[in-house]
Amino acid sequence: MDGDLKCPKCGSGHVYPDGSLWICPECAHEWSGAEADSGAESSDAEGMVKDANGNVLADGDTVTVIKDLKVKGSSLVVKGGTKVKNIRLVDATDGHNIACKIDGIGAMNLKSEFVKKS
């Protein structure tokens, strides 16, 4: 265990390796060893939201949903290939870091891992 390695999310020094990932037991944040080696870059990359292909997303971007997504609490489905315009990036602890409005469904939050930049 590295004594000087800290969690990039909460700053805890109680991190441990698990295979190729580092894990923080306090906030459950996981990151790769490459990110741990480049400490300055990881602090810059912390606030960035990336799509499924690794492209950086920004407020106002247009994205395309890459797979069918069931809408929780409803029988509706967001079909793969649906274009979502004018997204907003939000800080979400549950991973739903894109707030948007989808035609025919309404306002909802999406995970960036299920969209690609258009």
PDB file of N, CA and C in Angstrom:
ATOM      1  N   MET A   1       0.853  -1.181   0.000  1.00  0.00           N
ATOM      2  CA  MET A   1       0.000   0.000   0.000  1.00  0.00           C
ATOM      3  C   MET A   1       0.893   1.237   0.000  1.00  0.00           C
ATOM      4  N   ASP A   2       0.548   2.212  -0.798  1.00  0.00           N
ATOM      5  CA  ASP A   2       1.290   3.471  -0.867  1.00  0.00           C
ATOM      6  C   ASP A   2       0.851   4.372   0.274  1.00  0.00           C
ATOM      7  N   GLY A   3       1.811   4.868   1.057  1.00  0.00           N
ATOM      8  CA  GLY A   3       1.469   5.737   2.171  1.00  0.00           C
ATOM      9  C   GLY A   3       1.038   7.124   1.731  1.00  0.00           C
ATOM     10  N   ASP A   4       1.561   7.593   0.579  1.00  0.00           N
ATOM     11  CA  ASP A   4       1.234   8.937   0.132  1.00  0.00           C
ATOM     12  C   ASP A   4       0.072   8.973  -0.863  1.00  0.00           C
ATOM     13  N   LEU A   5      -0.467   7.814  -1.240  1.00  0.00           N
ATOM     14  CA  LEU A   5      -1.577   7.768  -2.186  1.00  0.00           C
ATOM     15  C   LEU A   5      -2.876   8.078  -1.457  1.00  0.00           C
ATOM     16  N   LYS A   6      -3.661   8.979  -2.023  1.00  0.00           N
ATOM     17  CA  LYS A   6      -4.937   9.377  -1.421  1.00  0.00           C
ATOM     18  C   LYS A   6      -6.056   9.221  -2.437  1.00  0.00           C
ATOM     19  N   CYS A   7      -7.257   9.053  -1.946  1.00  0.00           N
ATOM     20  CA  CYS A   7      -8.433   8.948  -2.805  1.00  0.00           C
ATOM     21  C   CYS A   7      -8.649  10.283  -3.522  1.00  0.00           C
ATOM     22  N   PRO A   8      -8.793  10.268  -4.863  1.00  0.00           N
ATOM     23  CA  PRO A   8      -9.005  11.531  -5.578  1.00  0.00           C
ATOM     24  C   PRO A   8     -10.376  12.143  -5.313  1.00  0.00           C
ATOM     25  N   LYS A   9     -11.304  11.380  -4.795  1.00  0.00           N
ATOM     26  CA  LYS A   9     -12.654  11.889  -4.561  1.00  0.00           C
ATOM     27  C   LYS A   9     -12.812  12.508  -3.176  1.00  0.00           C
ATOM     28  N   CYS A  10     -12.366  11.780  -2.130  1.00  0.00           N
ATOM     29  CA  CYS A  10     -12.579  12.281  -0.767  1.00  0.00           C
ATOM     30  C   CYS A  10     -11.285  12.628  -0.038  1.00  0.00           C
ATOM     31  N   GLY A  11     -10.123  12.244  -0.591  1.00  0.00           N
ATOM     32  CA  GLY A  11      -8.848  12.580   0.020  1.00  0.00           C
ATOM     33  C   GLY A  11      -8.408  11.638   1.128  1.00  0.00           C
ATOM     34  N   SER A  12      -9.109  10.539   1.320  1.00  0.00           N
ATOM     35  CA  SER A  12      -8.769   9.588   2.369  1.00  0.00           C
ATOM     36  C   SER A  12      -7.442   8.895   2.049  1.00  0.00           C
ATOM     37  N   GLY A  13      -6.658   8.628   3.071  1.00  0.00           N
ATOM     38  CA  GLY A  13      -5.402   7.923   2.902  1.00  0.00           C
ATOM     39  C   GLY A  13      -5.527   6.426   3.091  1.00  0.00           C
ATOM     40  N   HIS A  14      -6.734   5.933   3.336  1.00  0.00           N
ATOM     41  CA  HIS A  14      -6.965   4.519   3.608  1.00  0.00           C
ATOM     42  C   HIS A  14      -7.355   3.769   2.347  1.00  0.00           C
ATOM     43  N   VAL A  15      -6.604   3.935   1.264  1.00  0.00           N
ATOM     44  CA  VAL A  15      -6.923   3.262   0.007  1.00  0.00           C
ATOM     45  C   VAL A  15      -6.146   1.960  -0.092  1.00  0.00           C
ATOM     46  N   TYR A  16      -6.682   1.017  -0.882  1.00  0.00           N
ATOM     47  CA  TYR A  16      -5.997  -0.259  -1.046  1.00  0.00           C
ATOM     48  C   TYR A  16      -6.158  -0.746  -2.483  1.00  0.00           C
ATOM     49  N   PRO A  17      -5.181  -1.531  -2.969  1.00  0.00           N
ATOM     50  CA  PRO A  17      -5.264  -2.055  -4.335  1.00  0.00           C
ATOM     51  C   PRO A  17      -6.123  -3.310  -4.384  1.00  0.00           C
ATOM     52  N   ASP A  18      -6.827  -3.485  -5.495  1.00  0.00           N
ATOM     53  CA  ASP A  18      -7.610  -4.690  -5.741  1.00  0.00           C
ATOM     54  C   ASP A  18      -7.444  -5.024  -7.221  1.00  0.00           C
ATOM     55  N   GLY A  19      -6.484  -5.874  -7.523  1.00  0.00           N
ATOM     56  CA  GLY A  19      -6.175  -6.167  -8.921  1.00  0.00           C
ATOM     57  C   GLY A  19      -5.548  -4.939  -9.554  1.00  0.00           C
ATOM     58  N   SER A  20      -6.155  -4.444 -10.633  1.00  0.00           N
ATOM     59  CA  SER A  20      -5.616  -3.259 -11.304  1.00  0.00           C
ATOM     60  C   SER A  20      -6.283  -1.971 -10.819  1.00  0.00           C
ATOM     61  N   LEU A  21      -7.210  -2.068  -9.876  1.00  0.00           N
ATOM     62  CA  LEU A  21      -7.922  -0.896  -9.368  1.00  0.00           C
ATOM     63  C   LEU A  21      -7.459  -0.537  -7.960  1.00  0.00           C
ATOM     64  N   TRP A  22      -7.615   0.728  -7.611  1.00  0.00           N
ATOM     65  CA  TRP A  22      -7.443   1.202  -6.239  1.00  0.00           C
ATOM     66  C   TRP A  22      -8.834   1.505  -5.705  1.00  0.00           C
ATOM     67  N   ILE A  23      -9.092   1.189  -4.456  1.00  0.00           N
ATOM     68  CA  ILE A  23     -10.421   1.352  -3.864  1.00  0.00           C
ATOM     69  C   ILE A  23     -10.307   2.136  -2.564  1.00  0.00           C
ATOM     70  N   CYS A  24     -11.241   3.063  -2.371  1.00  0.00           N
ATOM     71  CA  CYS A  24     -11.327   3.820  -1.127  1.00  0.00           C
ATOM     72  C   CYS A  24     -12.463   3.227  -0.292  1.00  0.00           C
ATOM     73  N   PRO A  25     -12.184   2.720   0.917  1.00  0.00           N
ATOM     74  CA  PRO A  25     -13.238   2.125   1.730  1.00  0.00           C
ATOM     75  C   PRO A  25     -14.194   3.153   2.337  1.00  0.00           C
ATOM     76  N   GLU A  26     -13.801   4.419   2.357  1.00  0.00           N
ATOM     77  CA  GLU A  26     -14.645   5.438   2.972  1.00  0.00           C
ATOM     78  C   GLU A  26     -15.742   5.943   2.040  1.00  0.00           C
ATOM     79  N   CYS A  27     -15.408   6.133   0.734  1.00  0.00           N
ATOM     80  CA  CYS A  27     -16.423   6.649  -0.200  1.00  0.00           C
ATOM     81  C   CYS A  27     -16.741   5.665  -1.318  1.00  0.00           C
ATOM     82  N   ALA A  28     -16.079   4.495  -1.332  1.00  0.00           N
ATOM     83  CA  ALA A  28     -16.287   3.437  -2.321  1.00  0.00           C
ATOM     84  C   ALA A  28     -15.904   3.854  -3.733  1.00  0.00           C
ATOM     85  N   HIS A  29     -15.044   4.853  -3.859  1.00  0.00           N
ATOM     86  CA  HIS A  29     -14.568   5.285  -5.177  1.00  0.00           C
ATOM     87  C   HIS A  29     -13.511   4.314  -5.671  1.00  0.00           C
ATOM     88  N   GLU A  30     -13.568   3.954  -6.972  1.00  0.00           N
ATOM     89  CA  GLU A  30     -12.586   3.067  -7.573  1.00  0.00           C
ATOM     90  C   GLU A  30     -11.916   3.785  -8.728  1.00  0.00           C
ATOM     91  N   TRP A  31     -10.593   3.602  -8.894  1.00  0.00           N
ATOM     92  CA  TRP A  31      -9.887   4.199 -10.016  1.00  0.00           C
ATOM     93  C   TRP A  31      -8.744   3.285 -10.409  1.00  0.00           C
ATOM     94  N   SER A  32      -8.264   3.445 -11.633  1.00  0.00           N
ATOM     95  CA  SER A  32      -7.218   2.564 -12.138  1.00  0.00           C
ATOM     96  C   SER A  32      -5.854   2.990 -11.628  1.00  0.00           C
ATOM     97  N   GLY A  33      -4.898   2.089 -11.699  1.00  0.00           N
ATOM     98  CA  GLY A  33      -3.546   2.367 -11.258  1.00  0.00           C
ATOM     99  C   GLY A  33      -2.898   3.468 -12.074  1.00  0.00           C
ATOM    100  N   ALA A  34      -3.234   3.577 -13.370  1.00  0.00           N
ATOM    101  CA  ALA A  34      -2.672   4.623 -14.226  1.00  0.00           C
ATOM    102  C   ALA A  34      -3.088   5.996 -13.719  1.00  0.00           C
ATOM    103  N   GLU A  35      -4.317   6.117 -13.256  1.00  0.00           N
ATOM    104  CA  GLU A  35      -4.792   7.392 -12.703  1.00  0.00           C
ATOM    105  C   GLU A  35      -4.086   7.682 -11.382  1.00  0.00           C
ATOM    106  N   ALA A  36      -3.786   6.654 -10.613  1.00  0.00           N
ATOM    107  CA  ALA A  36      -3.111   6.836  -9.327  1.00  0.00           C
ATOM    108  C   ALA A  36      -1.680   7.303  -9.547  1.00  0.00           C
ATOM    109  N   ASP A  37      -1.024   6.823 -10.617  1.00  0.00           N
ATOM    110  CA  ASP A  37       0.346   7.220 -10.907  1.00  0.00           C
ATOM    111  C   ASP A  37       0.444   8.660 -11.362  1.00  0.00           C
ATOM    112  N   SER A  38      -0.589   9.174 -12.006  1.00  0.00           N
ATOM    113  CA  SER A  38      -0.567  10.559 -12.502  1.00  0.00           C
ATOM    114  C   SER A  38      -1.449  11.409 -11.609  1.00  0.00           C
ATOM    115  N   GLY A  39      -0.983  11.702 -10.403  1.00  0.00           N
ATOM    116  CA  GLY A  39      -1.784  12.400  -9.396  1.00  0.00           C
ATOM    117  C   GLY A  39      -2.290  13.744  -9.854  1.00  0.00           C
ATOM    118  N   ALA A  40      -1.478  14.549 -10.537  1.00  0.00           N
ATOM    119  CA  ALA A  40      -1.907  15.880 -10.973  1.00  0.00           C
ATOM    120  C   ALA A  40      -2.983  15.768 -12.037  1.00  0.00           C
ATOM    121  N   GLU A  41      -2.840  14.807 -12.940  1.00  0.00           N
ATOM    122  CA  GLU A  41      -3.827  14.650 -14.006  1.00  0.00           C
ATOM    123  C   GLU A  41      -5.157  14.155 -13.462  1.00  0.00           C
ATOM    124  N   SER A  42      -5.129  13.293 -12.421  1.00  0.00           N
ATOM    125  CA  SER A  42      -6.380  12.755 -11.906  1.00  0.00           C
ATOM    126  C   SER A  42      -7.209  13.837 -11.225  1.00  0.00           C
ATOM    127  N   SER A  43      -6.564  14.839 -10.612  1.00  0.00           N
ATOM    128  CA  SER A  43      -7.340  15.899  -9.987  1.00  0.00           C
ATOM    129  C   SER A  43      -8.008  16.768 -11.049  1.00  0.00           C
ATOM    130  N   ASP A  44      -7.357  16.951 -12.216  1.00  0.00           N
ATOM    131  CA  ASP A  44      -7.980  17.689 -13.304  1.00  0.00           C
ATOM    132  C   ASP A  44      -9.101  16.874 -13.935  1.00  0.00           C
ATOM    133  N   ALA A  45      -8.915  15.561 -14.020  1.00  0.00           N
ATOM    134  CA  ALA A  45      -9.881  14.700 -14.687  1.00  0.00           C
ATOM    135  C   ALA A  45     -11.052  14.341 -13.775  1.00  0.00           C
ATOM    136  N   GLU A  46     -10.971  14.708 -12.503  1.00  0.00           N
ATOM    137  CA  GLU A  46     -12.001  14.311 -11.547  1.00  0.00           C
ATOM    138  C   GLU A  46     -13.372  14.860 -11.928  1.00  0.00           C
ATOM    139  N   GLY A  47     -13.460  16.104 -12.363  1.00  0.00           N
ATOM    140  CA  GLY A  47     -14.738  16.724 -12.662  1.00  0.00           C
ATOM    141  C   GLY A  47     -15.237  16.458 -14.066  1.00  0.00           C
ATOM    142  N   MET A  48     -14.436  15.784 -14.890  1.00  0.00           N
ATOM    143  CA  MET A  48     -14.834  15.529 -16.267  1.00  0.00           C
ATOM    144  C   MET A  48     -15.785  14.350 -16.336  1.00  0.00           C
ATOM    145  N   VAL A  49     -16.789  14.471 -17.217  1.00  0.00           N
ATOM    146  CA  VAL A  49     -17.722  13.386 -17.466  1.00  0.00           C
ATOM    147  C   VAL A  49     -17.456  12.888 -18.874  1.00  0.00           C
ATOM    148  N   LYS A  50     -17.262  11.572 -19.014  1.00  0.00           N
ATOM    149  CA  LYS A  50     -16.958  10.992 -20.314  1.00  0.00           C
ATOM    150  C   LYS A  50     -18.067  10.047 -20.742  1.00  0.00           C
ATOM    151  N   ASP A  51     -18.278   9.964 -22.065  1.00  0.00           N
ATOM    152  CA  ASP A  51     -19.288   9.056 -22.598  1.00  0.00           C
ATOM    153  C   ASP A  51     -18.721   7.644 -22.694  1.00  0.00           C
ATOM    154  N   ALA A  52     -19.474   6.730 -23.301  1.00  0.00           N
ATOM    155  CA  ALA A  52     -19.064   5.334 -23.403  1.00  0.00           C
ATOM    156  C   ALA A  52     -17.793   5.158 -24.225  1.00  0.00           C
ATOM    157  N   ASN A  53     -17.498   6.089 -25.136  1.00  0.00           N
ATOM    158  CA  ASN A  53     -16.303   6.000 -25.978  1.00  0.00           C
ATOM    159  C   ASN A  53     -15.124   6.784 -25.417  1.00  0.00           C
ATOM    160  N   GLY A  54     -15.285   7.443 -24.276  1.00  0.00           N
ATOM    161  CA  GLY A  54     -14.207   8.198 -23.666  1.00  0.00           C
ATOM    162  C   GLY A  54     -14.154   9.659 -24.066  1.00  0.00           C
ATOM    163  N   ASN A  55     -15.137  10.137 -24.836  1.00  0.00           N
ATOM    164  CA  ASN A  55     -15.187  11.551 -25.207  1.00  0.00           C
ATOM    165  C   ASN A  55     -15.684  12.377 -24.021  1.00  0.00           C
ATOM    166  N   VAL A  56     -15.090  13.533 -23.821  1.00  0.00           N
ATOM    167  CA  VAL A  56     -15.487  14.410 -22.719  1.00  0.00           C
ATOM    168  C   VAL A  56     -16.796  15.110 -23.081  1.00  0.00           C
ATOM    169  N   LEU A  57     -17.757  15.078 -22.155  1.00  0.00           N
ATOM    170  CA  LEU A  57     -19.056  15.718 -22.365  1.00  0.00           C
ATOM    171  C   LEU A  57     -19.084  17.072 -21.669  1.00  0.00           C
ATOM    172  N   ALA A  58     -19.912  17.974 -22.201  1.00  0.00           N
ATOM    173  CA  ALA A  58     -20.081  19.307 -21.628  1.00  0.00           C
ATOM    174  C   ALA A  58     -21.561  19.668 -21.638  1.00  0.00           C
ATOM    175  N   ASP A  59     -21.928  20.661 -20.827  1.00  0.00           N
ATOM    176  CA  ASP A  59     -23.309  21.139 -20.817  1.00  0.00           C
ATOM    177  C   ASP A  59     -23.698  21.596 -22.219  1.00  0.00           C
ATOM    178  N   GLY A  60     -24.920  21.237 -22.641  1.00  0.00           N
ATOM    179  CA  GLY A  60     -25.428  21.667 -23.940  1.00  0.00           C
ATOM    180  C   GLY A  60     -25.124  20.707 -25.073  1.00  0.00           C
ATOM    181  N   ASP A  61     -24.341  19.662 -24.826  1.00  0.00           N
ATOM    182  CA  ASP A  61     -24.020  18.688 -25.870  1.00  0.00           C
ATOM    183  C   ASP A  61     -25.249  17.886 -26.261  1.00  0.00           C
ATOM    184  N   THR A  62     -25.162  17.254 -27.429  1.00  0.00           N
ATOM    185  CA  THR A  62     -26.161  16.309 -27.890  1.00  0.00           C
ATOM    186  C   THR A  62     -25.544  14.928 -27.815  1.00  0.00           C
ATOM    187  N   VAL A  63     -26.277  13.988 -27.232  1.00  0.00           N
ATOM    188  CA  VAL A  63     -25.786  12.624 -27.090  1.00  0.00           C
ATOM    189  C   VAL A  63     -26.809  11.650 -27.661  1.00  0.00           C
ATOM    190  N   THR A  64     -26.342  10.427 -27.931  1.00  0.00           N
ATOM    191  CA  THR A  64     -27.200   9.360 -28.423  1.00  0.00           C
ATOM    192  C   THR A  64     -27.142   8.212 -27.432  1.00  0.00           C
ATOM    193  N   VAL A  65     -28.298   7.672 -27.063  1.00  0.00           N
ATOM    194  CA  VAL A  65     -28.373   6.533 -26.154  1.00  0.00           C
ATOM    195  C   VAL A  65     -27.895   5.302 -26.916  1.00  0.00           C
ATOM    196  N   ILE A  66     -27.013   4.487 -26.320  1.00  0.00           N
ATOM    197  CA  ILE A  66     -26.423   3.366 -27.046  1.00  0.00           C
ATOM    198  C   ILE A  66     -27.124   2.027 -26.814  1.00  0.00           C
ATOM    199  N   LYS A  67     -28.027   1.953 -25.846  1.00  0.00           N
ATOM    200  CA  LYS A  67     -28.768   0.708 -25.631  1.00  0.00           C
ATOM    201  C   LYS A  67     -30.135   1.028 -25.038  1.00  0.00           C
ATOM    202  N   ASP A  68     -31.056   0.087 -25.155  1.00  0.00           N
ATOM    203  CA  ASP A  68     -32.381   0.289 -24.582  1.00  0.00           C
ATOM    204  C   ASP A  68     -32.277   0.397 -23.065  1.00  0.00           C
ATOM    205  N   LEU A  69     -32.930   1.425 -22.517  1.00  0.00           N
ATOM    206  CA  LEU A  69     -32.906   1.657 -21.074  1.00  0.00           C
ATOM    207  C   LEU A  69     -34.330   1.678 -20.537  1.00  0.00           C
ATOM    208  N   LYS A  70     -34.614   0.847 -19.551  1.00  0.00           N
ATOM    209  CA  LYS A  70     -35.924   0.852 -18.915  1.00  0.00           C
ATOM    210  C   LYS A  70     -36.009   2.058 -17.986  1.00  0.00           C
ATOM    211  N   VAL A  71     -37.168   2.704 -17.966  1.00  0.00           N
ATOM    212  CA  VAL A  71     -37.392   3.843 -17.086  1.00  0.00           C
ATOM    213  C   VAL A  71     -37.959   3.300 -15.782  1.00  0.00           C
ATOM    214  N   LYS A  72     -37.243   3.529 -14.698  1.00  0.00           N
ATOM    215  CA  LYS A  72     -37.634   2.995 -13.402  1.00  0.00           C
ATOM    216  C   LYS A  72     -39.001   3.534 -12.983  1.00  0.00           C
ATOM    217  N   GLY A  73     -39.869   2.652 -12.528  1.00  0.00           N
ATOM    218  CA  GLY A  73     -41.180   3.046 -12.055  1.00  0.00           C
ATOM    219  C   GLY A  73     -42.183   3.258 -13.176  1.00  0.00           C
ATOM    220  N   SER A  74     -41.856   2.787 -14.365  1.00  0.00           N
ATOM    221  CA  SER A  74     -42.714   3.001 -15.525  1.00  0.00           C
ATOM    222  C   SER A  74     -42.536   1.832 -16.479  1.00  0.00           C
ATOM    223  N   SER A  75     -43.448   1.709 -17.429  1.00  0.00           N
ATOM    224  CA  SER A  75     -43.304   0.681 -18.461  1.00  0.00           C
ATOM    225  C   SER A  75     -42.634   1.245 -19.709  1.00  0.00           C
ATOM    226  N   LEU A  76     -42.188   2.498 -19.646  1.00  0.00           N
ATOM    227  CA  LEU A  76     -41.545   3.135 -20.782  1.00  0.00           C
ATOM    228  C   LEU A  76     -40.108   2.649 -20.950  1.00  0.00           C
ATOM    229  N   VAL A  77     -39.628   2.711 -22.199  1.00  0.00           N
ATOM    230  CA  VAL A  77     -38.249   2.335 -22.513  1.00  0.00           C
ATOM    231  C   VAL A  77     -37.649   3.423 -23.386  1.00  0.00           C
ATOM    232  N   VAL A  78     -36.427   3.848 -23.054  1.00  0.00           N
ATOM    233  CA  VAL A  78     -35.683   4.764 -23.911  1.00  0.00           C
ATOM    234  C   VAL A  78     -34.915   3.869 -24.878  1.00  0.00           C
ATOM    235  N   LYS A  79     -35.272   3.925 -26.151  1.00  0.00           N
ATOM    236  CA  LYS A  79     -34.685   3.046 -27.158  1.00  0.00           C
ATOM    237  C   LYS A  79     -33.258   3.464 -27.497  1.00  0.00           C
ATOM    238  N   GLY A  80     -32.428   2.489 -27.811  1.00  0.00           N
ATOM    239  CA  GLY A  80     -31.078   2.766 -28.281  1.00  0.00           C
ATOM    240  C   GLY A  80     -31.162   3.570 -29.573  1.00  0.00           C
ATOM    241  N   GLY A  81     -30.312   4.559 -29.741  1.00  0.00           N
ATOM    242  CA  GLY A  81     -30.343   5.418 -30.915  1.00  0.00           C
ATOM    243  C   GLY A  81     -31.119   6.706 -30.708  1.00  0.00           C
ATOM    244  N   THR A  82     -31.766   6.849 -29.538  1.00  0.00           N
ATOM    245  CA  THR A  82     -32.504   8.076 -29.235  1.00  0.00           C
ATOM    246  C   THR A  82     -31.537   9.223 -29.029  1.00  0.00           C
ATOM    247  N   LYS A  83     -31.748  10.339 -29.744  1.00  0.00           N
ATOM    248  CA  LYS A  83     -30.897  11.521 -29.572  1.00  0.00           C
ATOM    249  C   LYS A  83     -31.461  12.374 -28.450  1.00  0.00           C
ATOM    250  N   VAL A  84     -30.559  12.820 -27.594  1.00  0.00           N
ATOM    251  CA  VAL A  84     -30.925  13.677 -26.474  1.00  0.00           C
ATOM    252  C   VAL A  84     -30.140  14.971 -26.631  1.00  0.00           C
ATOM    253  N   LYS A  85     -30.866  16.077 -26.774  1.00  0.00           N
ATOM    254  CA  LYS A  85     -30.237  17.374 -27.000  1.00  0.00           C
ATOM    255  C   LYS A  85     -30.145  18.164 -25.704  1.00  0.00           C
ATOM    256  N   ASN A  86     -29.158  19.058 -25.657  1.00  0.00           N
ATOM    257  CA  ASN A  86     -29.016  20.030 -24.577  1.00  0.00           C
ATOM    258  C   ASN A  86     -28.958  19.369 -23.198  1.00  0.00           C
ATOM    259  N   ILE A  87     -27.960  18.504 -22.999  1.00  0.00           N
ATOM    260  CA  ILE A  87     -27.809  17.839 -21.702  1.00  0.00           C
ATOM    261  C   ILE A  87     -27.199  18.790 -20.684  1.00  0.00           C
ATOM    262  N   ARG A  88     -27.404  18.476 -19.404  1.00  0.00           N
ATOM    263  CA  ARG A  88     -26.759  19.195 -18.310  1.00  0.00           C
ATOM    264  C   ARG A  88     -25.992  18.184 -17.488  1.00  0.00           C
ATOM    265  N   LEU A  89     -24.777  18.518 -17.125  1.00  0.00           N
ATOM    266  CA  LEU A  89     -23.983  17.639 -16.276  1.00  0.00           C
ATOM    267  C   LEU A  89     -24.236  17.988 -14.821  1.00  0.00           C
ATOM    268  N   VAL A  90     -24.481  16.972 -14.012  1.00  0.00           N
ATOM    269  CA  VAL A  90     -24.776  17.178 -12.599  1.00  0.00           C
ATOM    270  C   VAL A  90     -23.873  16.274 -11.767  1.00  0.00           C
ATOM    271  N   ASP A  91     -23.618  16.685 -10.522  1.00  0.00           N
ATOM    272  CA  ASP A  91     -22.897  15.830  -9.576  1.00  0.00           C
ATOM    273  C   ASP A  91     -23.908  14.906  -8.935  1.00  0.00           C
ATOM    274  N   ALA A  92     -23.772  13.616  -9.218  1.00  0.00           N
ATOM    275  CA  ALA A  92     -24.721  12.660  -8.661  1.00  0.00           C
ATOM    276  C   ALA A  92     -23.958  11.521  -8.013  1.00  0.00           C
ATOM    277  N   THR A  93     -24.330  11.169  -6.805  1.00  0.00           N
ATOM    278  CA  THR A  93     -23.649  10.096  -6.102  1.00  0.00           C
ATOM    279  C   THR A  93     -24.066   8.723  -6.622  1.00  0.00           C
ATOM    280  N   ASP A  94     -25.208   8.636  -7.281  1.00  0.00           N
ATOM    281  CA  ASP A  94     -25.682   7.346  -7.777  1.00  0.00           C
ATOM    282  C   ASP A  94     -25.219   7.044  -9.200  1.00  0.00           C
ATOM    283  N   GLY A  95     -24.393   7.893  -9.787  1.00  0.00           N
ATOM    284  CA  GLY A  95     -23.864   7.639 -11.125  1.00  0.00           C
ATOM    285  C   GLY A  95     -24.660   8.251 -12.248  1.00  0.00           C
ATOM    286  N   HIS A  96     -25.852   8.736 -11.985  1.00  0.00           N
ATOM    287  CA  HIS A  96     -26.684   9.376 -13.005  1.00  0.00           C
ATOM    288  C   HIS A  96     -26.237  10.834 -13.123  1.00  0.00           C
ATOM    289  N   ASN A  97     -25.211  11.066 -13.937  1.00  0.00           N
ATOM    290  CA  ASN A  97     -24.573  12.376 -13.983  1.00  0.00           C
ATOM    291  C   ASN A  97     -24.993  13.240 -15.165  1.00  0.00           C
ATOM    292  N   ILE A  98     -26.039  12.846 -15.892  1.00  0.00           N
ATOM    293  CA  ILE A  98     -26.573  13.655 -16.986  1.00  0.00           C
ATOM    294  C   ILE A  98     -28.052  13.908 -16.727  1.00  0.00           C
ATOM    295  N   ALA A  99     -28.428  15.177 -16.637  1.00  0.00           N
ATOM    296  CA  ALA A  99     -29.836  15.551 -16.511  1.00  0.00           C
ATOM    297  C   ALA A  99     -30.292  15.995 -17.898  1.00  0.00           C
ATOM    298  N   CYS A 100     -31.455  15.508 -18.324  1.00  0.00           N
ATOM    299  CA  CYS A 100     -31.907  15.832 -19.674  1.00  0.00           C
ATOM    300  C   CYS A 100     -33.423  15.711 -19.756  1.00  0.00           C
ATOM    301  N   LYS A 101     -33.937  16.089 -20.921  1.00  0.00           N
ATOM    302  CA  LYS A 101     -35.358  15.975 -21.212  1.00  0.00           C
ATOM    303  C   LYS A 101     -35.479  15.191 -22.510  1.00  0.00           C
ATOM    304  N   ILE A 102     -36.189  14.065 -22.462  1.00  0.00           N
ATOM    305  CA  ILE A 102     -36.327  13.202 -23.633  1.00  0.00           C
ATOM    306  C   ILE A 102     -37.754  13.326 -24.153  1.00  0.00           C
ATOM    307  N   ASP A 103     -37.881  13.569 -25.469  1.00  0.00           N
ATOM    308  CA  ASP A 103     -39.194  13.706 -26.091  1.00  0.00           C
ATOM    309  C   ASP A 103     -40.019  12.444 -25.859  1.00  0.00           C
ATOM    310  N   GLY A 104     -41.253  12.609 -25.430  1.00  0.00           N
ATOM    311  CA  GLY A 104     -42.153  11.502 -25.197  1.00  0.00           C
ATOM    312  C   GLY A 104     -42.019  10.870 -23.832  1.00  0.00           C
ATOM    313  N   ILE A 105     -40.984  11.201 -23.095  1.00  0.00           N
ATOM    314  CA  ILE A 105     -40.772  10.619 -21.768  1.00  0.00           C
ATOM    315  C   ILE A 105     -40.726  11.703 -20.703  1.00  0.00           C
ATOM    316  N   GLY A 106     -39.967  12.767 -20.957  1.00  0.00           N
ATOM    317  CA  GLY A 106     -39.876  13.869 -20.013  1.00  0.00           C
ATOM    318  C   GLY A 106     -38.503  13.987 -19.398  1.00  0.00           C
ATOM    319  N   ALA A 107     -38.439  14.699 -18.295  1.00  0.00           N
ATOM    320  CA  ALA A 107     -37.167  14.951 -17.613  1.00  0.00           C
ATOM    321  C   ALA A 107     -36.694  13.688 -16.911  1.00  0.00           C
ATOM    322  N   MET A 108     -35.409  13.404 -17.053  1.00  0.00           N
ATOM    323  CA  MET A 108     -34.835  12.241 -16.394  1.00  0.00           C
ATOM    324  C   MET A 108     -33.329  12.388 -16.305  1.00  0.00           C
ATOM    325  N   ASN A 109     -32.705  11.508 -15.561  1.00  0.00           N
ATOM    326  CA  ASN A 109     -31.253  11.477 -15.429  1.00  0.00           C
ATOM    327  C   ASN A 109     -30.723  10.209 -16.085  1.00  0.00           C
ATOM    328  N   LEU A 110     -29.555  10.325 -16.726  1.00  0.00           N
ATOM    329  CA  LEU A 110     -28.919   9.194 -17.398  1.00  0.00           C
ATOM    330  C   LEU A 110     -27.503   9.015 -16.873  1.00  0.00           C
ATOM    331  N   LYS A 111     -26.981   7.808 -17.003  1.00  0.00           N
ATOM    332  CA  LYS A 111     -25.578   7.548 -16.704  1.00  0.00           C
ATOM    333  C   LYS A 111     -24.789   7.787 -17.983  1.00  0.00           C
ATOM    334  N   SER A 112     -23.643   8.421 -17.850  1.00  0.00           N
ATOM    335  CA  SER A 112     -22.840   8.750 -19.024  1.00  0.00           C
ATOM    336  C   SER A 112     -22.297   7.507 -19.721  1.00  0.00           C
ATOM    337  N   GLU A 113     -22.238   6.383 -19.051  1.00  0.00           N
ATOM    338  CA  GLU A 113     -21.724   5.163 -19.653  1.00  0.00           C
ATOM    339  C   GLU A 113     -22.686   4.569 -20.688  1.00  0.00           C
ATOM    340  N   PHE A 114     -23.923   5.065 -20.749  1.00  0.00           N
ATOM    341  CA  PHE A 114     -24.908   4.557 -21.699  1.00  0.00           C
ATOM    342  C   PHE A 114     -25.195   5.518 -22.850  1.00  0.00           C
ATOM    343  N   VAL A 115     -24.355   6.522 -23.026  1.00  0.00           N
ATOM    344  CA  VAL A 115     -24.547   7.475 -24.122  1.00  0.00           C
ATOM    345  C   VAL A 115     -23.232   7.679 -24.873  1.00  0.00           C
ATOM    346  N   LYS A 116     -23.344   8.147 -26.106  1.00  0.00           N
ATOM    347  CA  LYS A 116     -22.161   8.547 -26.856  1.00  0.00           C
ATOM    348  C   LYS A 116     -22.429   9.949 -27.428  1.00  0.00           C
ATOM    349  N   LYS A 117     -21.360  10.711 -27.541  1.00  0.00           N
ATOM    350  CA  LYS A 117     -21.458  12.087 -28.016  1.00  0.00           C
ATOM    351  C   LYS A 117     -21.810  12.085 -29.492  1.00  0.00           C
ATOM    352  N   SER A 118     -22.751  12.940 -29.895  1.00  0.00           N
ATOM    353  CA  SER A 118     -23.167  13.020 -31.305  1.00  0.00           C
ATOM    354  C   SER A 118     -22.481  14.155 -32.016  1.00  0.00           C
TER     355      SER A 118
END
